[in-house]
Amino acid sequence: MPFNIEVRRGDKKLKTQWDFFVLSCCLTAAYKEDAPDRYVNDDVKYGDIPDGTWVDFSMAPIYLMDGCSLLELGTQTLHNDHSFESVFPNQELRQFELKKGDIINCWRD
């Protein structure tokens, strides 16, 4: 994929399955912390999203997006814990956790 994302916890890179779920969780956390007053849609702001809920960015124009340090600077350090889960169509339960102090990096090839 031409858009890369990694999460560093301390001096270690977290081993994650790179897919739209992980990407969406990272971007949701980034916007919740850095742009809580920015609108997800006409009536919901990122700061209003309940804990555990993630925004699906799978079809978002990521190359054109801005509004948070992760997308504008390529890095963002989290100030809070974030825990996400979802049940996928094949009944697989996926969970993804980000911790206070985690550093999310992104870049384009």
N, C-alpha and C. Protein backbone atom coordinates (compact mmCIF):
# COMPACT_ATOMS: atom_id res chain seq x y z
N MET A 1 0.85 -1.17 0.00
CA MET A 1 0.00 0.00 0.00
C MET A 1 0.90 1.24 0.00
N PRO A 2 0.48 2.27 -0.67
CA PRO A 2 1.30 3.48 -0.71
C PRO A 2 1.23 4.32 0.55
N PHE A 3 0.31 4.00 1.46
CA PHE A 3 0.20 4.72 2.72
C PHE A 3 0.63 3.77 3.82
N ASN A 4 1.66 4.16 4.56
CA ASN A 4 2.20 3.31 5.61
C ASN A 4 1.90 3.91 6.97
N ILE A 5 1.68 3.03 7.94
CA ILE A 5 1.42 3.49 9.30
C ILE A 5 2.09 2.51 10.26
N GLU A 6 2.68 3.04 11.32
CA GLU A 6 3.28 2.19 12.33
C GLU A 6 3.00 2.79 13.70
N VAL A 7 2.98 1.92 14.69
CA VAL A 7 2.80 2.35 16.07
C VAL A 7 4.03 1.92 16.85
N ARG A 8 4.62 2.86 17.57
CA ARG A 8 5.78 2.58 18.39
C ARG A 8 5.37 2.74 19.85
N ARG A 9 5.71 1.75 20.64
CA ARG A 9 5.47 1.79 22.09
C ARG A 9 6.84 1.67 22.74
N GLY A 10 7.27 2.77 23.34
CA GLY A 10 8.62 2.80 23.87
C GLY A 10 9.59 2.74 22.70
N ASP A 11 10.55 1.83 22.77
CA ASP A 11 11.52 1.72 21.68
C ASP A 11 11.19 0.57 20.72
N LYS A 12 9.97 0.03 20.82
CA LYS A 12 9.59 -1.10 19.96
C LYS A 12 8.44 -0.75 19.04
N LYS A 13 8.53 -1.27 17.83
CA LYS A 13 7.43 -1.13 16.87
C LYS A 13 6.42 -2.24 17.16
N LEU A 14 5.15 -1.87 17.30
CA LEU A 14 4.12 -2.88 17.53
C LEU A 14 3.92 -3.71 16.27
N LYS A 15 3.77 -4.99 16.45
CA LYS A 15 3.45 -5.86 15.33
C LYS A 15 1.95 -5.82 15.13
N THR A 16 1.53 -5.31 14.01
CA THR A 16 0.10 -5.20 13.71
C THR A 16 -0.18 -5.73 12.32
N GLN A 17 -1.39 -6.15 12.14
CA GLN A 17 -1.86 -6.54 10.82
C GLN A 17 -2.30 -5.25 10.14
N TRP A 18 -1.60 -4.84 9.07
CA TRP A 18 -1.95 -3.59 8.41
C TRP A 18 -3.17 -3.83 7.57
N ASP A 19 -4.26 -3.16 7.93
CA ASP A 19 -5.48 -3.22 7.13
C ASP A 19 -6.33 -2.00 7.48
N PHE A 20 -7.51 -1.92 6.87
CA PHE A 20 -8.34 -0.74 7.07
C PHE A 20 -8.78 -0.59 8.52
N PHE A 21 -8.92 -1.68 9.26
CA PHE A 21 -9.32 -1.60 10.66
C PHE A 21 -8.24 -0.91 11.50
N VAL A 22 -7.00 -1.34 11.37
CA VAL A 22 -5.90 -0.73 12.12
C VAL A 22 -5.72 0.73 11.70
N LEU A 23 -5.74 0.98 10.41
CA LEU A 23 -5.63 2.35 9.91
C LEU A 23 -6.76 3.21 10.48
N SER A 24 -7.98 2.71 10.44
CA SER A 24 -9.13 3.46 10.93
C SER A 24 -9.04 3.72 12.43
N CYS A 25 -8.58 2.76 13.20
CA CYS A 25 -8.41 2.95 14.64
C CYS A 25 -7.37 4.02 14.92
N CYS A 26 -6.24 3.98 14.22
CA CYS A 26 -5.18 4.97 14.43
C CYS A 26 -5.67 6.37 14.07
N LEU A 27 -6.36 6.50 12.95
CA LEU A 27 -6.85 7.81 12.54
C LEU A 27 -7.95 8.30 13.47
N THR A 28 -8.81 7.41 13.92
CA THR A 28 -9.86 7.81 14.87
C THR A 28 -9.23 8.36 16.14
N ALA A 29 -8.26 7.65 16.70
CA ALA A 29 -7.58 8.11 17.92
C ALA A 29 -6.88 9.45 17.67
N ALA A 30 -6.23 9.58 16.53
CA ALA A 30 -5.51 10.82 16.21
C ALA A 30 -6.46 12.01 16.15
N TYR A 31 -7.58 11.85 15.47
CA TYR A 31 -8.55 12.94 15.37
C TYR A 31 -9.24 13.21 16.70
N LYS A 32 -9.57 12.16 17.46
CA LYS A 32 -10.22 12.37 18.75
C LYS A 32 -9.35 13.23 19.67
N GLU A 33 -8.05 13.01 19.62
CA GLU A 33 -7.15 13.75 20.49
C GLU A 33 -6.75 15.11 19.94
N ASP A 34 -6.52 15.19 18.65
CA ASP A 34 -5.95 16.41 18.06
C ASP A 34 -7.00 17.34 17.47
N ALA A 35 -8.18 16.83 17.16
CA ALA A 35 -9.21 17.66 16.52
C ALA A 35 -10.61 17.25 17.02
N PRO A 36 -10.83 17.29 18.34
CA PRO A 36 -12.10 16.83 18.87
C PRO A 36 -13.31 17.63 18.39
N ASP A 37 -13.09 18.88 17.96
CA ASP A 37 -14.20 19.70 17.49
C ASP A 37 -14.43 19.61 15.99
N ARG A 38 -13.64 18.82 15.31
CA ARG A 38 -13.81 18.61 13.86
C ARG A 38 -14.94 17.61 13.65
N TYR A 39 -15.74 17.85 12.64
CA TYR A 39 -16.90 17.00 12.39
C TYR A 39 -16.55 15.74 11.59
N VAL A 40 -17.05 14.60 12.08
CA VAL A 40 -16.97 13.33 11.35
C VAL A 40 -18.00 13.39 10.23
N ASN A 41 -19.18 13.85 10.58
CA ASN A 41 -20.27 14.07 9.63
C ASN A 41 -21.06 15.28 10.11
N ASP A 42 -22.24 15.50 9.57
CA ASP A 42 -22.98 16.73 9.88
C ASP A 42 -23.36 16.90 11.34
N ASP A 43 -23.52 15.81 12.09
CA ASP A 43 -23.96 15.98 13.47
C ASP A 43 -23.02 15.40 14.53
N VAL A 44 -21.93 14.78 14.15
CA VAL A 44 -21.05 14.15 15.14
C VAL A 44 -19.63 14.69 15.00
N LYS A 45 -19.08 15.10 16.14
CA LYS A 45 -17.69 15.54 16.18
C LYS A 45 -16.81 14.38 16.67
N TYR A 46 -15.55 14.40 16.30
CA TYR A 46 -14.64 13.34 16.74
C TYR A 46 -14.61 13.22 18.26
N GLY A 47 -14.67 14.33 18.97
CA GLY A 47 -14.66 14.29 20.42
C GLY A 47 -15.90 13.65 21.02
N ASP A 48 -16.96 13.53 20.24
CA ASP A 48 -18.21 12.93 20.71
C ASP A 48 -18.28 11.42 20.47
N ILE A 49 -17.32 10.89 19.75
CA ILE A 49 -17.34 9.45 19.45
C ILE A 49 -17.11 8.67 20.74
N PRO A 50 -17.99 7.74 21.06
CA PRO A 50 -17.82 6.96 22.29
C PRO A 50 -16.54 6.11 22.25
N ASP A 51 -15.96 5.90 23.42
CA ASP A 51 -14.79 5.04 23.51
C ASP A 51 -15.11 3.68 22.90
N GLY A 52 -14.18 3.14 22.18
CA GLY A 52 -14.36 1.83 21.56
C GLY A 52 -14.93 1.89 20.15
N THR A 53 -15.50 3.01 19.77
CA THR A 53 -16.08 3.17 18.44
C THR A 53 -15.02 3.75 17.51
N TRP A 54 -14.96 3.25 16.30
CA TRP A 54 -13.99 3.74 15.33
C TRP A 54 -14.71 4.18 14.07
N VAL A 55 -14.10 5.13 13.38
CA VAL A 55 -14.62 5.65 12.13
C VAL A 55 -13.96 4.86 11.00
N ASP A 56 -14.76 4.39 10.06
CA ASP A 56 -14.24 3.62 8.93
C ASP A 56 -13.62 4.57 7.91
N PHE A 57 -12.30 4.53 7.79
CA PHE A 57 -11.57 5.37 6.84
C PHE A 57 -11.18 4.60 5.58
N SER A 58 -11.75 3.43 5.37
CA SER A 58 -11.32 2.59 4.25
C SER A 58 -11.54 3.25 2.89
N MET A 59 -12.50 4.11 2.76
CA MET A 59 -12.76 4.77 1.48
C MET A 59 -12.48 6.27 1.56
N ALA A 60 -11.82 6.72 2.61
CA ALA A 60 -11.53 8.15 2.78
C ALA A 60 -10.39 8.58 1.87
N PRO A 61 -10.43 9.81 1.40
CA PRO A 61 -9.34 10.34 0.55
C PRO A 61 -8.15 10.76 1.42
N ILE A 62 -7.46 9.80 1.99
CA ILE A 62 -6.42 10.06 2.98
C ILE A 62 -5.36 11.04 2.47
N TYR A 63 -5.01 10.97 1.20
CA TYR A 63 -3.98 11.86 0.67
C TYR A 63 -4.41 13.33 0.70
N LEU A 64 -5.71 13.58 0.80
CA LEU A 64 -6.22 14.94 0.81
C LEU A 64 -6.63 15.41 2.20
N MET A 65 -6.55 14.53 3.18
CA MET A 65 -7.04 14.85 4.51
C MET A 65 -6.01 15.65 5.32
N ASP A 66 -6.53 16.42 6.27
CA ASP A 66 -5.69 17.18 7.18
C ASP A 66 -6.44 17.33 8.49
N GLY A 67 -5.93 18.13 9.39
CA GLY A 67 -6.65 18.42 10.62
C GLY A 67 -6.11 17.74 11.86
N CYS A 68 -5.11 16.89 11.70
CA CYS A 68 -4.48 16.29 12.88
C CYS A 68 -2.99 16.14 12.60
N SER A 69 -2.21 16.11 13.67
CA SER A 69 -0.75 16.05 13.53
C SER A 69 -0.30 14.82 12.76
N LEU A 70 -1.00 13.71 12.95
CA LEU A 70 -0.60 12.48 12.26
C LEU A 70 -0.56 12.68 10.76
N LEU A 71 -1.58 13.30 10.19
CA LEU A 71 -1.62 13.48 8.75
C LEU A 71 -0.84 14.71 8.27
N GLU A 72 -0.72 15.71 9.12
CA GLU A 72 -0.02 16.92 8.69
C GLU A 72 1.49 16.86 8.94
N LEU A 73 1.90 16.19 10.02
CA LEU A 73 3.32 16.12 10.36
C LEU A 73 3.92 14.73 10.19
N GLY A 74 3.04 13.73 10.06
CA GLY A 74 3.50 12.36 9.89
C GLY A 74 3.75 11.63 11.20
N THR A 75 3.45 12.28 12.32
CA THR A 75 3.65 11.64 13.61
C THR A 75 2.72 12.26 14.65
N GLN A 76 2.34 11.47 15.62
CA GLN A 76 1.50 11.96 16.71
C GLN A 76 1.69 11.06 17.92
N THR A 77 1.92 11.68 19.08
CA THR A 77 2.03 10.95 20.33
C THR A 77 0.68 11.01 21.04
N LEU A 78 0.18 9.86 21.45
CA LEU A 78 -1.12 9.81 22.10
C LEU A 78 -1.05 10.19 23.57
N HIS A 79 -2.07 10.88 24.03
CA HIS A 79 -2.15 11.33 25.42
C HIS A 79 -3.11 10.48 26.24
N ASN A 80 -3.82 9.57 25.58
CA ASN A 80 -4.81 8.73 26.25
C ASN A 80 -4.75 7.30 25.71
N ASP A 81 -5.34 6.39 26.46
CA ASP A 81 -5.53 5.02 25.98
C ASP A 81 -6.74 4.97 25.06
N HIS A 82 -6.69 4.10 24.07
CA HIS A 82 -7.80 3.89 23.15
C HIS A 82 -7.92 2.40 22.89
N SER A 83 -9.12 1.88 23.02
CA SER A 83 -9.36 0.46 22.77
C SER A 83 -10.52 0.33 21.80
N PHE A 84 -10.32 -0.47 20.76
CA PHE A 84 -11.33 -0.63 19.72
C PHE A 84 -11.60 -2.11 19.49
N GLU A 85 -12.83 -2.42 19.08
CA GLU A 85 -13.12 -3.78 18.66
C GLU A 85 -14.24 -3.77 17.65
N SER A 86 -14.29 -4.82 16.87
CA SER A 86 -15.32 -4.95 15.86
C SER A 86 -15.48 -6.42 15.50
N VAL A 87 -16.69 -6.78 15.15
CA VAL A 87 -16.95 -8.12 14.63
C VAL A 87 -17.10 -7.98 13.12
N PHE A 88 -16.29 -8.72 12.39
CA PHE A 88 -16.28 -8.63 10.94
C PHE A 88 -17.28 -9.64 10.35
N PRO A 89 -17.62 -9.48 9.08
CA PRO A 89 -18.64 -10.35 8.46
C PRO A 89 -18.39 -11.85 8.63
N ASN A 90 -17.13 -12.26 8.73
CA ASN A 90 -16.84 -13.68 8.91
C ASN A 90 -16.91 -14.09 10.38
N GLN A 91 -17.48 -13.21 11.22
CA GLN A 91 -17.65 -13.42 12.66
C GLN A 91 -16.35 -13.33 13.45
N GLU A 92 -15.29 -12.86 12.81
CA GLU A 92 -14.02 -12.68 13.51
C GLU A 92 -14.09 -11.43 14.38
N LEU A 93 -13.75 -11.59 15.65
CA LEU A 93 -13.67 -10.46 16.57
C LEU A 93 -12.27 -9.89 16.50
N ARG A 94 -12.17 -8.63 16.15
CA ARG A 94 -10.86 -7.96 16.08
C ARG A 94 -10.80 -6.91 17.17
N GLN A 95 -9.67 -6.85 17.83
CA GLN A 95 -9.43 -5.84 18.86
C GLN A 95 -8.12 -5.14 18.57
N PHE A 96 -8.06 -3.88 18.89
CA PHE A 96 -6.84 -3.10 18.69
C PHE A 96 -6.76 -2.09 19.81
N GLU A 97 -5.59 -2.02 20.44
CA GLU A 97 -5.39 -1.15 21.59
C GLU A 97 -4.23 -0.21 21.35
N LEU A 98 -4.46 1.04 21.66
CA LEU A 98 -3.41 2.05 21.65
C LEU A 98 -3.28 2.56 23.07
N LYS A 99 -2.07 2.84 23.50
CA LYS A 99 -1.80 3.25 24.88
C LYS A 99 -1.27 4.69 24.92
N LYS A 100 -1.52 5.32 26.05
CA LYS A 100 -0.95 6.65 26.30
C LYS A 100 0.56 6.57 26.08
N GLY A 101 1.10 7.49 25.31
CA GLY A 101 2.53 7.52 25.03
C GLY A 101 2.91 6.83 23.73
N ASP A 102 1.98 6.05 23.15
CA ASP A 102 2.27 5.43 21.85
C ASP A 102 2.50 6.53 20.82
N ILE A 103 3.42 6.27 19.93
CA ILE A 103 3.71 7.20 18.84
C ILE A 103 3.23 6.55 17.56
N ILE A 104 2.33 7.23 16.86
CA ILE A 104 1.86 6.75 15.57
C ILE A 104 2.60 7.55 14.50
N ASN A 105 3.20 6.84 13.56
CA ASN A 105 3.88 7.46 12.43
C ASN A 105 3.18 7.06 11.14
N CYS A 106 3.12 7.96 10.19
CA CYS A 106 2.58 7.61 8.87
C CYS A 106 3.41 8.29 7.80
N TRP A 107 3.45 7.68 6.65
CA TRP A 107 4.16 8.24 5.52
C TRP A 107 3.63 7.62 4.23
N ARG A 108 3.92 8.31 3.16
CA ARG A 108 3.49 7.84 1.84
C ARG A 108 4.71 7.42 1.04
N ASP A 109 4.60 6.33 0.33
CA ASP A 109 5.70 5.88 -0.53
C ASP A 109 5.72 6.66 -1.81
